[in-house]
């Protein structure tokens, strides 16, 4: 395996851990201004690209990314990071008013796809950038269900498993830590619990934890091949039966964990799955004591959720030529590598990874590469096109965990009840399914 980093074999979604606040069309710019942002684009000024994005909203991340822009771009760029609700309402309100004041938009696939009618076609830009090495599957995704590309791939992230090497002493014979199966993962959790005298596997099941992404993008795709359409079928029952047993061998304090890097660093748990951005600090001081490995594989493959972000041009946007220059600059391999160094988002272009990455980033890069390239890799997207309803859909997966794993309720009745709730939400939205479920005009639980 060389160090070339390529994009996934099927396609993706989300890193944003942001609150989905909803501003109204008229109030969004005002609210943003109160928060110290300029979502209108007006502050960019003539000759400066107004770049509105849902990514890097924490102040430290934003400052680091602004340093990337300043170092690698030849075009003055004003980077404004806002939550997805403000982002969507700003794009819609400016388009409706025919007074578009931004030049460039950056967001996750699930945030850009619903706005496709307000975005310029970018097929010509992608044609110019054909040498970058975007996969065909990724290029297909940029079309957002239509015939023309609506964004240029920008960067990607995912979730992996962090392993303190102390836990390897309980790895069962025949289980490959770099090619885990769900069966082997459970056997390891049981052996570790017995060997350590306490559970040492954990998951981010706290109030702000992302454990619902594990069920949506990893567990259910690996057991059922789907996320929504297979929500309550016999394979889903098998998946939740497995989850019930796995949870019985995990640290109960996991219900307090929002991000796993802290309990891992404290030694409260030794093995944990989470978003790469929420694991990166665990091995920061002693990277030689840690491994990062792909998520397990199941009967239907190695389900994994990938977060992909894209760059889009708003219809009627300002400084179109300058915005295109920024897109080209951000897709340069050196810019992509610097983004990885600074903010732990991985390249979407074909490029060689440098050998001097910091310990934690290097560990994650290897795990991400192995996960994407493994046989049977099955890409899952976060929900697409749900807007403010996404939180309600994610809560349904959390409800399943609560009832099945914490309350020990009967699995099939829980899935049937939650499926009814899920279909009620999806019926109001009338949206197509997203990967790994098959494309259909209307997404619903079978």
Protein backbone atom coordinates (compact mmCIF):
# COMPACT_ATOMS: atom_id res chain seq x y z
CA UNK A 1 0.00 0.00 0.00
CA UNK A 2 1.50 3.33 -1.02
CA UNK A 3 0.75 6.69 0.48
CA UNK A 4 -1.52 7.92 -2.28
CA UNK A 5 -4.74 9.15 -0.78
CA UNK A 6 -7.77 8.63 -2.94
CA UNK A 7 -11.42 9.37 -2.58
CA UNK A 8 -13.89 6.64 -1.62
CA UNK A 9 -15.28 3.95 -3.81
CA UNK A 10 -18.88 4.96 -3.16
CA UNK A 11 -20.09 8.05 -1.61
CA UNK A 12 -20.41 10.10 1.50
CA UNK A 13 -21.22 12.85 4.24
CA UNK A 14 -20.68 14.77 7.60
CA UNK A 15 -18.29 16.14 10.04
CA UNK A 16 -20.17 19.18 11.12
CA UNK A 17 -21.06 18.79 14.75
CA UNK A 18 -23.00 21.97 14.59
CA UNK A 19 -26.32 22.94 16.01
CA UNK A 20 -28.93 23.17 13.30
CA UNK A 21 -30.26 26.57 14.29
CA UNK A 22 -32.87 27.91 11.97
CA UNK A 23 -32.98 31.50 11.08
CA UNK A 24 -35.81 32.83 8.98
CA UNK A 25 -34.97 34.17 5.59
CA UNK A 26 -35.06 37.74 6.78
CA UNK A 27 -33.57 37.32 10.20
CA UNK A 28 -30.57 35.17 9.31
CA UNK A 29 -28.20 37.97 8.29
CA UNK A 30 -29.26 40.01 11.32
CA UNK A 31 -28.74 37.12 13.73
CA UNK A 32 -25.42 36.31 12.16
CA UNK A 33 -24.33 39.90 12.48
CA UNK A 34 -25.19 39.80 16.18
CA UNK A 35 -22.99 36.72 16.49
CA UNK A 36 -20.10 38.50 14.86
CA UNK A 37 -20.49 36.94 11.40
CA UNK A 38 -21.22 38.54 8.09
CA UNK A 39 -23.33 36.05 6.19
CA UNK A 40 -24.43 38.56 3.59
CA UNK A 41 -21.09 38.71 1.85
CA UNK A 42 -21.16 42.47 1.90
CA UNK A 43 -18.07 42.73 4.10
CA UNK A 44 -15.97 40.91 1.52
CA UNK A 45 -15.60 44.07 -0.50
CA UNK A 46 -14.76 44.50 -4.16
CA UNK A 47 -12.13 42.05 -5.36
CA UNK A 48 -12.47 39.81 -2.30
CA UNK A 49 -14.24 36.46 -2.49
CA UNK A 50 -17.04 36.21 0.07
CA UNK A 51 -16.84 32.55 1.15
CA UNK A 52 -19.84 31.35 3.20
CA UNK A 53 -19.37 27.92 4.77
CA UNK A 54 -20.80 25.51 7.30
CA UNK A 55 -17.35 24.14 8.12
CA UNK A 56 -14.77 25.17 10.73
CA UNK A 57 -17.17 27.15 12.89
CA UNK A 58 -15.15 26.80 16.14
CA UNK A 59 -12.97 29.88 16.41
CA UNK A 60 -9.70 27.94 16.55
CA UNK A 61 -10.57 25.85 13.47
CA UNK A 62 -11.70 28.94 11.55
CA UNK A 63 -8.48 30.76 12.35
CA UNK A 64 -6.39 27.80 11.27
CA UNK A 65 -8.28 27.54 7.98
CA UNK A 66 -7.96 31.25 7.33
CA UNK A 67 -4.21 30.71 7.63
CA UNK A 68 -4.46 28.00 4.95
CA UNK A 69 -6.37 30.37 2.66
CA UNK A 70 -3.86 33.14 3.20
CA UNK A 71 -0.88 30.86 2.58
CA UNK A 72 -2.08 29.10 -0.57
CA UNK A 73 -4.54 31.37 -2.37
CA UNK A 74 -3.64 34.30 -4.53
CA UNK A 75 -7.14 35.74 -4.22
CA UNK A 76 -8.24 37.72 -1.13
CA UNK A 77 -10.91 35.61 0.56
CA UNK A 78 -13.25 36.49 3.44
CA UNK A 79 -14.18 33.21 5.17
CA UNK A 80 -17.46 33.23 7.09
CA UNK A 81 -18.42 30.07 8.97
CA UNK A 82 -22.05 29.71 10.07
CA UNK A 83 -24.35 26.93 11.22
CA UNK A 84 -26.27 24.97 8.55
CA UNK A 85 -29.58 26.68 9.29
CA UNK A 86 -28.17 30.17 8.72
CA UNK A 87 -26.30 28.88 5.68
CA UNK A 88 -29.43 27.49 4.00
CA UNK A 89 -31.66 30.45 4.85
CA UNK A 90 -29.02 32.93 3.63
CA UNK A 91 -28.61 31.17 0.27
CA UNK A 92 -32.37 30.89 -0.20
CA UNK A 93 -33.18 34.45 0.86
CA UNK A 94 -30.52 36.04 -1.33
CA UNK A 95 -31.58 33.93 -4.32
CA UNK A 96 -35.23 34.79 -3.76
CA UNK A 97 -34.45 38.47 -3.50
CA UNK A 98 -32.18 38.27 -6.57
CA UNK A 99 -29.56 40.03 -4.50
CA UNK A 100 -26.81 37.44 -4.09
CA UNK A 101 -23.95 38.94 -2.11
CA UNK A 102 -21.77 35.85 -1.62
CA UNK A 103 -19.25 34.51 -4.12
CA UNK A 104 -18.50 30.99 -2.92
CA UNK A 105 -20.33 28.41 -0.81
CA UNK A 106 -18.83 25.54 1.16
CA UNK A 107 -20.88 22.82 2.79
CA UNK A 108 -21.49 19.13 3.20
CA UNK A 109 -23.19 17.13 0.48
CA UNK A 110 -26.37 16.94 2.52
CA UNK A 111 -26.38 20.72 2.90
CA UNK A 112 -25.63 21.58 -0.73
CA UNK A 113 -27.85 19.04 -2.47
CA UNK A 114 -31.15 20.59 -1.25
CA UNK A 115 -29.95 23.99 -2.53
CA UNK A 116 -29.07 22.73 -6.02
CA UNK A 117 -31.64 24.97 -7.74
CA UNK A 118 -29.76 28.01 -6.38
CA UNK A 119 -26.33 26.77 -7.49
CA UNK A 120 -24.51 27.25 -10.79
CA UNK A 121 -23.50 24.24 -12.86
CA UNK A 122 -19.80 23.50 -12.40
CA UNK A 123 -19.22 20.79 -15.03
CA UNK A 124 -16.74 23.00 -16.90
CA UNK A 125 -14.66 23.53 -13.74
CA UNK A 126 -14.64 19.82 -13.01
CA UNK A 127 -13.55 19.16 -16.57
CA UNK A 128 -10.61 21.53 -16.05
CA UNK A 129 -9.78 19.74 -12.80
CA UNK A 130 -10.09 16.24 -14.25
CA UNK A 131 -6.44 15.57 -13.48
CA UNK A 132 -7.02 15.94 -9.74
CA UNK A 133 -8.23 12.36 -9.40
CA UNK A 134 -11.79 12.70 -8.13
CA UNK A 135 -13.46 9.30 -8.39
CA UNK A 136 -16.37 8.81 -10.78
CA UNK A 137 -18.59 7.92 -7.85
CA UNK A 138 -17.77 11.24 -6.22
CA UNK A 139 -18.38 13.12 -9.44
CA UNK A 140 -21.76 11.40 -9.76
CA UNK A 141 -22.66 12.59 -6.28
CA UNK A 142 -21.91 16.22 -7.18
CA UNK A 143 -24.93 16.12 -9.49
CA UNK A 144 -27.22 15.94 -6.46
CA UNK A 145 -29.68 13.76 -8.32
CA UNK A 146 -29.73 15.93 -11.46
CA UNK A 147 -27.82 15.93 -14.74
CA UNK A 148 -25.28 18.69 -14.01
CA UNK A 149 -22.62 18.94 -11.31
CA UNK A 150 -23.49 21.47 -8.62
CA UNK A 151 -20.32 21.47 -6.54
CA UNK A 152 -16.64 20.58 -6.66
CA UNK A 153 -15.45 18.08 -4.02
CA UNK A 154 -13.57 19.96 -1.29
CA UNK A 155 -12.52 17.65 1.58
CA UNK A 156 -13.64 14.58 3.48
CA UNK A 157 -13.70 12.99 6.93
CA UNK A 158 -15.04 9.83 8.53
CA UNK A 159 -15.15 7.73 11.70
CA UNK A 160 -12.65 5.08 12.80
CA UNK A 161 -11.75 3.03 15.90
CA UNK A 162 -9.04 4.23 18.32
CA UNK A 163 -7.11 1.53 20.14
CA UNK A 164 -4.79 1.94 23.13
CA UNK A 165 -2.20 -0.79 22.61
CA UNK A 166 -2.78 -1.95 26.19
CA UNK A 167 -5.99 -3.53 24.89
CA UNK A 168 -4.13 -5.71 22.39
CA UNK A 169 -3.21 -8.17 25.13
CA UNK A 170 -6.85 -9.29 25.13
CA UNK A 171 -7.25 -9.46 21.35
CA UNK A 172 -8.54 -13.01 20.70
CA UNK A 173 -6.42 -15.35 18.63
CA UNK A 174 -7.26 -15.09 14.94
CA UNK A 175 -8.76 -11.59 15.18
CA UNK A 176 -6.93 -9.04 13.00
CA UNK A 177 -7.08 -5.60 14.60
CA UNK A 178 -6.74 -4.00 11.16
CA UNK A 179 -9.50 -6.13 9.63
CA UNK A 180 -12.04 -6.50 12.43
CA UNK A 181 -15.33 -8.27 11.99
CA UNK A 182 -18.26 -7.42 14.23
CA UNK A 183 -18.02 -10.91 15.66
CA UNK A 184 -14.33 -10.45 16.44
CA UNK A 185 -14.94 -6.96 17.86
CA UNK A 186 -17.51 -8.36 20.32
CA UNK A 187 -15.24 -11.25 21.31
CA UNK A 188 -12.47 -8.73 21.97
CA UNK A 189 -14.75 -6.51 24.08
CA UNK A 190 -15.74 -9.53 26.18
CA UNK A 191 -12.15 -10.73 26.61
CA UNK A 192 -10.96 -7.24 27.51
CA UNK A 193 -13.70 -6.83 30.06
CA UNK A 194 -12.76 -10.11 31.69
CA UNK A 195 -9.03 -9.42 31.53
CA UNK A 196 -9.18 -5.86 32.83
CA UNK A 197 -11.86 -6.59 35.39
CA UNK A 198 -14.02 -3.81 33.96
CA UNK A 199 -15.40 -2.78 30.55
CA UNK A 200 -12.75 -0.95 28.52
CA UNK A 201 -14.65 -0.48 25.24
CA UNK A 202 -16.70 2.70 24.91
CA UNK A 203 -18.79 4.75 22.52
CA UNK A 204 -19.98 8.38 22.35
CA UNK A 205 -23.50 7.81 23.66
CA UNK A 206 -23.66 11.07 25.64
CA UNK A 207 -26.20 13.83 25.00
CA UNK A 208 -24.05 15.40 22.29
CA UNK A 209 -22.34 12.19 21.19
CA UNK A 210 -22.52 10.95 17.60
CA UNK A 211 -23.49 7.36 18.35
CA UNK A 212 -26.49 7.62 16.01
CA UNK A 213 -23.98 7.86 13.14
CA UNK A 214 -22.65 4.46 14.19
CA UNK A 215 -26.08 2.86 13.72
CA UNK A 216 -26.85 4.83 10.51
CA UNK A 217 -23.50 4.49 8.78
CA UNK A 218 -21.76 1.45 10.21
CA UNK A 219 -23.84 -1.12 12.11
CA UNK A 220 -27.01 -1.21 10.00
CA UNK A 221 -25.32 -1.00 6.56
CA UNK A 222 -22.91 -3.77 7.61
CA UNK A 223 -25.73 -6.06 8.74
CA UNK A 224 -28.56 -5.07 6.39
CA UNK A 225 -26.97 -3.34 3.37
CA UNK A 226 -29.22 -0.32 3.96
CA UNK A 227 -30.06 2.40 6.43
CA UNK A 228 -33.73 3.32 5.95
CA UNK A 229 -35.38 0.74 3.69
CA UNK A 230 -34.06 -2.12 5.81
CA UNK A 231 -34.74 -0.38 9.13
CA UNK A 232 -36.95 -3.10 10.63
CA UNK A 233 -36.27 -6.21 8.56
CA UNK A 234 -34.84 -9.46 10.03
CA UNK A 235 -31.27 -8.33 9.33
CA UNK A 236 -31.92 -5.16 11.34
CA UNK A 237 -33.17 -7.28 14.23
CA UNK A 238 -29.90 -9.23 14.05
CA UNK A 239 -27.95 -5.96 14.06
CA UNK A 240 -29.69 -4.65 17.15
CA UNK A 241 -29.40 -8.04 18.87
CA UNK A 242 -25.67 -7.73 18.28
CA UNK A 243 -25.67 -4.13 19.54
CA UNK A 244 -27.48 -5.18 22.70
CA UNK A 245 -24.76 -7.71 23.49
CA UNK A 246 -21.94 -5.32 22.56
CA UNK A 247 -23.39 -2.63 24.81
CA UNK A 248 -23.49 -5.11 27.71
CA UNK A 249 -19.70 -5.28 27.43
CA UNK A 250 -19.08 -1.54 27.11
CA UNK A 251 -18.34 1.04 29.78
CA UNK A 252 -21.71 2.18 31.19
CA UNK A 253 -20.28 5.68 31.55
CA UNK A 254 -20.45 5.88 27.76
CA UNK A 255 -23.87 7.50 28.15
CA UNK A 256 -21.95 10.52 29.49
CA UNK A 257 -19.37 10.66 26.70
CA UNK A 258 -19.89 13.25 23.96
CA UNK A 259 -16.43 12.78 22.41
CA UNK A 260 -14.22 9.77 23.03
CA UNK A 261 -10.79 11.44 22.99
CA UNK A 262 -11.13 12.58 26.61
CA UNK A 263 -12.07 9.23 28.20
CA UNK A 264 -9.47 7.54 25.99
CA UNK A 265 -6.76 9.97 27.09
CA UNK A 266 -7.75 9.46 30.74
CA UNK A 267 -7.60 5.68 30.35
CA UNK A 268 -11.24 5.21 31.31
CA UNK A 269 -11.69 3.29 28.06
CA UNK A 270 -9.05 1.74 25.82
CA UNK A 271 -11.00 1.11 22.59
CA UNK A 272 -13.58 3.44 21.07
CA UNK A 273 -15.25 4.37 17.78
CA UNK A 274 -15.84 8.06 16.98
CA UNK A 275 -15.40 10.82 14.42
CA UNK A 276 -11.73 11.41 13.53
CA UNK A 277 -11.95 14.99 14.82
CA UNK A 278 -13.17 13.66 18.18
CA UNK A 279 -10.35 11.11 18.48
CA UNK A 280 -7.35 13.14 17.37
CA UNK A 281 -6.36 14.41 20.83
CA UNK A 282 -6.29 10.97 22.48
CA UNK A 283 -2.89 9.90 21.07
CA UNK A 284 -1.53 13.45 20.85
CA UNK A 285 1.14 13.08 23.54
CA UNK A 286 2.07 9.42 23.07
CA UNK A 287 1.20 8.37 19.51
CA UNK A 288 3.38 5.26 19.77
CA UNK A 289 0.97 3.90 22.38
CA UNK A 290 -1.98 3.99 19.98
CA UNK A 291 -3.49 2.51 16.84
CA UNK A 292 -6.30 3.80 14.65
CA UNK A 293 -8.07 1.02 12.75
CA UNK A 294 -11.03 0.64 10.36
CA UNK A 295 -14.51 -0.01 11.71
CA UNK A 296 -15.56 -3.70 11.71
CA UNK A 297 -17.17 -5.45 8.76
CA UNK A 298 -20.39 -7.42 8.86
CA UNK A 299 -22.42 -9.86 6.74
CA UNK A 300 -23.19 -7.22 4.08
CA UNK A 301 -19.77 -5.57 4.00
CA UNK A 302 -17.82 -2.90 5.87
CA UNK A 303 -20.37 -0.14 6.21
CA UNK A 304 -18.78 3.23 6.82
CA UNK A 305 -19.99 6.80 6.77
CA UNK A 306 -17.90 9.36 5.01
CA UNK A 307 -18.34 13.09 5.33
CA UNK A 308 -17.80 14.92 2.06
CA UNK A 309 -17.81 18.67 1.69
CA UNK A 310 -18.08 20.58 -1.57
CA UNK A 311 -17.50 24.05 -3.04
CA UNK A 312 -20.38 25.65 -4.93
CA UNK A 313 -21.10 28.85 -6.81
CA UNK A 314 -24.37 30.62 -6.03
CA UNK A 315 -26.40 31.63 -9.09
CA UNK A 316 -25.84 35.32 -9.69
CA UNK A 317 -22.98 35.36 -7.19
CA UNK A 318 -20.36 38.09 -7.04
CA UNK A 319 -16.87 37.86 -8.50
CA UNK A 320 -17.46 34.56 -10.33
CA UNK A 321 -13.99 34.48 -11.93
CA UNK A 322 -12.26 35.05 -8.58
CA UNK A 323 -14.43 32.41 -6.91
CA UNK A 324 -13.40 29.89 -9.58
CA UNK A 325 -9.77 30.72 -8.87
CA UNK A 326 -10.36 29.94 -5.20
CA UNK A 327 -11.94 26.58 -6.09
CA UNK A 328 -8.94 25.67 -8.22
CA UNK A 329 -6.57 26.74 -5.45
CA UNK A 330 -8.38 24.72 -2.80
CA UNK A 331 -8.22 21.58 -4.94
CA UNK A 332 -4.44 21.81 -5.26
CA UNK A 333 -2.79 18.85 -3.48
CA UNK A 334 -0.62 21.11 -1.31
CA UNK A 335 -3.69 23.02 -0.12
CA UNK A 336 -5.48 19.76 0.61
CA UNK A 337 -2.52 18.45 2.61
CA UNK A 338 -2.30 21.67 4.61
CA UNK A 339 -6.01 21.39 5.43
CA UNK A 340 -5.31 17.89 6.73
CA UNK A 341 -2.44 19.15 8.87
CA UNK A 342 -4.40 22.06 10.28
CA UNK A 343 -7.94 20.75 10.70
CA UNK A 344 -7.85 16.97 10.14
CA UNK A 345 -9.98 16.92 6.99
CA UNK A 346 -8.65 14.49 4.43
CA UNK A 347 -7.90 15.14 0.73
CA UNK A 348 -10.46 14.37 -1.97
CA UNK A 349 -7.80 14.46 -4.68
CA UNK A 350 -5.28 11.81 -5.56
CA UNK A 351 -2.09 12.80 -3.77
CA UNK A 352 0.80 11.43 -1.80
CA UNK A 353 0.56 11.89 1.95
CA UNK A 354 3.70 13.42 3.46
CA UNK A 355 5.73 11.37 5.89
CA UNK A 356 5.97 14.13 8.48
CA UNK A 357 2.32 14.27 9.55
CA UNK A 358 1.86 14.53 13.32
CA UNK A 359 1.37 11.22 15.10
CA UNK A 360 -2.39 11.36 15.53
CA UNK A 361 -3.07 12.59 11.98
CA UNK A 362 -0.76 9.94 10.53
CA UNK A 363 -2.55 7.22 12.51
CA UNK A 364 -5.94 8.43 11.31
CA UNK A 365 -4.79 8.78 7.72
CA UNK A 366 -3.69 5.15 7.66
CA UNK A 367 -6.98 3.97 9.19
CA UNK A 368 -9.08 6.04 6.79
CA UNK A 369 -7.15 4.71 3.82
CA UNK A 370 -7.53 1.11 4.95
CA UNK A 371 -11.22 1.57 5.65
CA UNK A 372 -11.96 3.03 2.22
CA UNK A 373 -9.88 0.49 0.34
CA UNK A 374 -10.94 -2.62 2.20
CA UNK A 375 -12.78 -5.36 0.36
CA UNK A 376 -16.53 -4.98 0.70
CA UNK A 377 -16.37 -1.31 1.74
CA UNK A 378 -19.96 -0.06 1.76
CA UNK A 379 -20.34 3.69 1.79
CA UNK A 380 -23.20 5.26 3.72
CA UNK A 381 -24.27 8.88 3.61
CA UNK A 382 -25.70 10.89 6.44
CA UNK A 383 -29.35 11.78 5.76
CA UNK A 384 -29.74 14.00 2.70
CA UNK A 385 -32.41 16.62 2.09
CA UNK A 386 -34.06 16.46 5.52
CA UNK A 387 -33.20 20.03 6.54
CA UNK A 388 -34.43 20.77 10.07
CA UNK A 389 -35.99 17.29 10.26
CA UNK A 390 -32.57 15.61 10.31
CA UNK A 391 -32.39 15.95 14.06
CA UNK A 392 -35.73 14.15 14.42
CA UNK A 393 -34.56 11.32 12.17
CA UNK A 394 -31.29 10.96 14.08
CA UNK A 395 -33.25 10.93 17.33
CA UNK A 396 -35.15 7.86 16.09
CA UNK A 397 -31.89 5.92 15.89
CA UNK A 398 -30.98 7.14 19.37
CA UNK A 399 -34.42 6.04 20.57
CA UNK A 400 -33.72 2.54 19.29
CA UNK A 401 -30.50 2.47 21.32
CA UNK A 402 -32.29 3.80 24.40
CA UNK A 403 -35.11 1.26 24.24
CA UNK A 404 -33.16 -1.79 23.06
CA UNK A 405 -29.81 -1.40 24.81
CA UNK A 406 -30.65 0.61 27.93
CA UNK A 407 -34.25 -0.51 28.59
CA UNK A 408 -33.93 -4.06 27.15
CA UNK A 409 -37.22 -3.72 25.27
CA UNK A 410 -38.21 -6.23 22.60
CA UNK A 411 -36.31 -5.45 19.42
CA UNK A 412 -38.93 -6.05 16.73
CA UNK A 413 -41.69 -4.04 18.51
CA UNK A 414 -39.23 -1.16 19.02
CA UNK A 415 -38.20 -1.18 15.36
CA UNK A 416 -41.82 -1.36 14.20
CA UNK A 417 -42.81 1.56 16.41
CA UNK A 418 -39.83 3.70 15.44
CA UNK A 419 -40.31 2.78 11.76
CA UNK A 420 -43.80 4.26 11.92
CA UNK A 421 -42.37 7.48 13.33
CA UNK A 422 -39.64 7.49 10.69
CA UNK A 423 -42.09 7.00 7.84
CA UNK A 424 -44.29 9.78 9.18
CA UNK A 425 -41.37 12.21 8.95
CA UNK A 426 -40.21 10.96 5.55
CA UNK A 427 -43.75 11.17 4.15
CA UNK A 428 -43.90 14.89 4.87
CA UNK A 429 -40.54 15.45 3.16
CA UNK A 430 -41.01 13.19 0.13
CA UNK A 431 -37.26 12.88 -0.50
CA UNK A 432 -35.31 10.16 -2.32
CA UNK A 433 -33.17 7.72 -0.37
CA UNK A 434 -29.44 8.16 0.08
CA UNK A 435 -26.59 5.61 0.09
CA UNK A 436 -26.44 2.79 0.85
CA UNK A 437 -30.18 2.48 0.23
CA UNK A 438 -31.12 2.18 -3.46
CA UNK A 439 -32.10 5.32 -5.32
CA UNK A 440 -35.86 5.70 -5.33
CA UNK A 441 -38.31 8.51 -5.88
CA UNK A 442 -39.55 8.26 -2.33
CA UNK A 443 -37.61 7.08 0.71
CA UNK A 444 -39.45 5.01 3.29
CA UNK A 445 -39.06 2.00 5.57
CA UNK A 446 -40.23 -1.15 3.86
